[in-house]
Amino acid sequence: MTLHIFPTDLPGLEWNSTKAPIFSTRILTARSGLEYRSPNWSYNKYRWTLSFSVIRDGRNGIDELQTLLGFCLSRMGMYETFLYEDPNDNTIAGQLLGVGTGSQTDFPLVRTFGTWTDPNLVAHTVSKVYVNGVETTDYTVVQVGRFGLDTIRLDTPAPYGENVTADFSWYFPVRFLQDDPEFENIFYQMWAQKKLQFQSDK
């Protein structure tokens, strides 16, 4: 499955973009006030909010409006998944993908952030793969999940107890959170998009 990549190089993107982790928790409250809580999801999602202060429309041959609005239209609002390269969270070195069992060859791409590990990443570039700290080239990057190349497949199983690590960059698979993104005409051939939201798709 080949997904389109969100255009992150538009110059009108403002600095005050936001990223929020999202969880879903089921809470039952007894008459005494005691709460029983249970997570609905094994892993969180993320929600991004971008704001574009200026989007040029055809001036001097530059048509950023067609790029951004055209991208939104092509996704049919919330319908189609696409890939987003978070400019502040897209590359890691020495990421632990798993520990060898003596028979396992597939190691999904994950990213550890503090004490939390996120799955469901799509490979942008895999630079290096290591088994027990030694670089190997005996691997391929394959698709096991829904959205694209997401797993390192070793040609031979990693020996029992040996760490499999990698240096790589990634995309997040996401979808828009609105069917009707609103673009504002602020000046002649100048537009703005103050709240473009999308979230992880799993």
Protein backbone atom coordinates (compact mmCIF):
# COMPACT_ATOMS: atom_id res chain seq x y z
CA MET A 1 0.00 0.00 0.00
CA THR A 2 1.56 3.28 -1.12
CA LEU A 3 0.41 6.33 0.86
CA HIS A 4 0.85 10.00 -0.01
CA ILE A 5 3.15 12.15 2.11
CA PHE A 6 1.93 15.38 3.71
CA PRO A 7 3.77 18.45 2.30
CA THR A 8 5.88 19.72 5.20
CA ASP A 9 7.95 22.26 3.25
CA LEU A 10 5.33 25.03 2.95
CA PRO A 11 6.88 28.27 4.32
CA GLY A 12 3.67 29.60 5.89
CA LEU A 13 3.62 26.98 8.65
CA GLU A 14 3.62 28.71 12.05
CA TRP A 15 5.75 27.73 15.04
CA ASN A 16 2.79 27.22 17.37
CA SER A 17 1.93 23.76 16.10
CA THR A 18 0.79 21.29 18.73
CA LYS A 19 1.08 17.54 19.30
CA ALA A 20 -1.02 15.74 21.88
CA PRO A 21 -0.95 12.09 22.97
CA ILE A 22 -4.44 10.58 23.10
CA PHE A 23 -5.62 7.72 25.28
CA SER A 24 -9.05 6.17 25.78
CA THR A 25 -9.99 5.09 29.29
CA ARG A 26 -13.17 3.41 30.48
CA ILE A 27 -14.14 4.57 33.98
CA LEU A 28 -16.81 3.00 36.20
CA THR A 29 -17.65 4.90 39.37
CA ALA A 30 -19.23 3.13 42.33
CA ARG A 31 -21.80 4.85 44.56
CA SER A 32 -19.04 5.26 47.12
CA GLY A 33 -17.02 7.26 44.63
CA LEU A 34 -14.45 4.51 44.11
CA GLU A 35 -13.32 4.39 40.47
CA TYR A 36 -12.49 1.33 38.39
CA ARG A 37 -10.45 2.27 35.35
CA SER A 38 -9.54 0.22 32.29
CA PRO A 39 -7.66 1.31 29.15
CA ASN A 40 -9.54 0.77 25.88
CA TRP A 41 -6.35 0.90 23.78
CA SER A 42 -3.04 -0.86 24.19
CA TYR A 43 -1.22 2.14 22.70
CA ASN A 44 -1.93 5.84 22.38
CA LYS A 45 -2.62 7.87 19.29
CA TYR A 46 -1.27 11.36 18.57
CA ARG A 47 -3.16 14.43 17.43
CA TRP A 48 -1.35 17.21 15.55
CA THR A 49 -2.68 20.73 14.97
CA LEU A 50 -0.96 22.86 12.33
CA SER A 51 -1.55 26.50 11.54
CA PHE A 52 -0.60 28.17 8.25
CA SER A 53 -0.50 31.97 8.48
CA VAL A 54 0.11 32.59 4.77
CA ILE A 55 -0.59 30.29 1.83
CA ARG A 56 0.18 31.91 -1.52
CA ASP A 57 -2.14 31.43 -4.48
CA GLY A 58 -0.43 31.75 -7.85
CA ARG A 59 1.70 34.82 -7.14
CA ASN A 60 4.93 34.75 -9.16
CA GLY A 61 4.25 31.18 -10.18
CA ILE A 62 4.06 29.95 -6.57
CA ASP A 63 0.87 28.07 -5.80
CA GLU A 64 0.99 26.75 -2.26
CA LEU A 65 -2.80 26.78 -2.05
CA GLN A 66 -3.06 24.16 -4.75
CA THR A 67 -0.45 22.07 -2.95
CA LEU A 68 -2.14 22.09 0.47
CA LEU A 69 -5.81 22.34 -0.46
CA GLY A 70 -5.27 19.87 -3.29
CA PHE A 71 -3.72 17.43 -0.80
CA CYS A 72 -6.74 17.75 1.51
CA LEU A 73 -9.15 17.25 -1.37
CA SER A 74 -7.28 14.21 -2.64
CA ARG A 75 -7.57 12.55 0.78
CA MET A 76 -11.36 13.11 0.66
CA GLY A 77 -11.38 14.64 4.13
CA MET A 78 -11.16 12.02 6.86
CA TYR A 79 -11.37 9.11 4.46
CA GLU A 80 -7.82 8.37 3.33
CA THR A 81 -4.74 7.66 5.44
CA PHE A 82 -1.54 9.55 4.61
CA LEU A 83 2.00 9.81 6.00
CA TYR A 84 3.31 12.64 8.15
CA GLU A 85 6.96 13.31 8.93
CA ASP A 86 6.94 15.11 12.27
CA PRO A 87 9.83 17.60 11.98
CA ASN A 88 10.61 17.19 15.69
CA ASP A 89 10.18 13.43 15.97
CA ASN A 90 11.34 11.47 12.93
CA THR A 91 14.84 10.02 13.46
CA ILE A 92 16.53 7.77 15.99
CA ALA A 93 19.84 5.93 16.34
CA GLY A 94 20.44 2.69 18.18
CA GLN A 95 16.76 1.96 18.70
CA LEU A 96 16.15 -1.43 20.29
CA LEU A 97 13.72 -3.36 18.09
CA GLY A 98 13.76 -6.60 20.03
CA VAL A 99 15.81 -9.41 21.54
CA GLY A 100 16.61 -12.53 19.54
CA THR A 101 14.83 -15.78 20.35
CA GLY A 102 16.86 -17.98 18.03
CA SER A 103 13.92 -18.26 15.61
CA GLN A 104 12.53 -14.74 15.16
CA THR A 105 13.43 -12.91 11.96
CA ASP A 106 10.86 -10.06 11.92
CA PHE A 107 11.40 -7.00 14.12
CA PRO A 108 8.80 -4.21 13.78
CA LEU A 109 10.02 -0.62 13.75
CA VAL A 110 9.32 1.09 17.06
CA ARG A 111 10.45 4.30 18.72
CA THR A 112 11.23 4.64 22.43
CA PHE A 113 10.50 8.02 23.99
CA GLY A 114 11.60 8.09 27.62
CA THR A 115 10.02 4.98 29.14
CA TRP A 116 7.35 4.65 26.43
CA THR A 117 7.66 2.72 23.17
CA ASP A 118 5.51 3.60 20.15
CA PRO A 119 4.72 1.05 17.44
CA ASN A 120 3.01 1.60 14.08
CA LEU A 121 5.75 3.52 12.27
CA VAL A 122 6.37 3.50 8.53
CA ALA A 123 10.00 3.52 7.41
CA HIS A 124 11.35 6.60 5.65
CA THR A 125 14.99 5.48 5.60
CA VAL A 126 16.70 2.61 7.41
CA SER A 127 20.37 3.56 7.70
CA LYS A 128 21.86 0.70 9.67
CA VAL A 129 20.79 -2.49 11.44
CA TYR A 130 22.82 -4.14 14.20
CA VAL A 131 22.71 -7.58 15.82
CA ASN A 132 24.43 -7.60 19.20
CA GLY A 133 26.08 -4.28 18.31
CA VAL A 134 27.56 -5.53 15.03
CA GLU A 135 26.27 -3.94 11.83
CA THR A 136 24.61 -6.33 9.41
CA THR A 137 23.44 -5.92 5.84
CA ASP A 138 21.61 -9.25 5.79
CA TYR A 139 18.10 -7.83 6.08
CA THR A 140 15.24 -6.36 4.09
CA VAL A 141 12.59 -3.81 5.08
CA VAL A 142 9.13 -5.30 4.54
CA GLN A 143 5.48 -4.46 5.09
CA VAL A 144 3.67 -6.52 7.72
CA GLY A 145 1.08 -3.98 8.90
CA ARG A 146 -1.46 -1.88 7.01
CA PHE A 147 0.38 1.21 5.86
CA GLY A 148 3.83 0.57 4.39
CA LEU A 149 7.33 -0.71 5.07
CA ASP A 150 7.35 -1.19 8.82
CA THR A 151 9.45 -4.23 9.75
CA ILE A 152 13.10 -5.31 9.60
CA ARG A 153 13.32 -8.88 8.33
CA LEU A 154 16.66 -10.55 9.00
CA ASP A 155 17.89 -13.14 6.52
CA THR A 156 18.69 -15.46 9.42
CA PRO A 157 17.20 -15.42 12.94
CA ALA A 158 18.94 -13.34 15.56
CA PRO A 159 20.68 -15.58 18.13
CA TYR A 160 18.96 -16.03 21.46
CA GLY A 161 19.43 -13.08 23.83
CA GLU A 162 21.11 -10.78 21.29
CA ASN A 163 19.72 -7.28 20.80
CA VAL A 164 18.52 -6.16 17.39
CA THR A 165 18.86 -2.38 16.99
CA ALA A 166 18.62 0.08 14.11
CA ASP A 167 19.23 3.65 12.97
CA PHE A 168 16.26 4.88 10.96
CA SER A 169 13.81 7.66 10.19
CA TRP A 170 10.05 7.25 9.92
CA TYR A 171 6.62 8.58 9.08
CA PHE A 172 3.47 8.45 11.19
CA PRO A 173 0.39 7.08 9.38
CA VAL A 174 -2.38 9.62 10.03
CA ARG A 175 -5.79 10.83 8.85
CA PHE A 176 -7.47 14.23 8.89
CA LEU A 177 -9.90 15.03 11.70
CA GLN A 178 -12.24 17.11 9.54
CA ASP A 179 -14.13 16.64 6.31
CA ASP A 180 -14.35 20.41 5.82
CA PRO A 181 -10.95 22.12 6.37
CA GLU A 182 -11.54 25.86 6.25
CA PHE A 183 -9.21 28.07 4.20
CA GLU A 184 -9.46 31.85 4.75
CA ASN A 185 -8.76 34.42 2.03
CA ILE A 186 -6.85 37.09 3.99
CA PHE A 187 -5.47 39.21 1.12
CA TYR A 188 -5.40 39.14 -2.65
CA GLN A 189 -3.92 35.75 -3.59
CA MET A 190 -3.11 35.12 0.08
CA TRP A 191 -4.84 32.51 2.19
CA ALA A 192 -4.57 31.07 5.71
CA GLN A 193 -5.46 27.79 7.38
CA LYS A 194 -5.57 28.29 11.14
CA LYS A 195 -6.44 24.81 12.36
CA LEU A 196 -5.54 21.77 10.28
CA GLN A 197 -5.81 18.67 12.47
CA PHE A 198 -4.94 15.04 11.96
CA GLN A 199 -4.29 12.06 14.19
CA SER A 200 -2.54 8.70 14.19
CA ASP A 201 -4.26 5.95 12.24
CA LYS A 202 -3.83 2.45 13.66
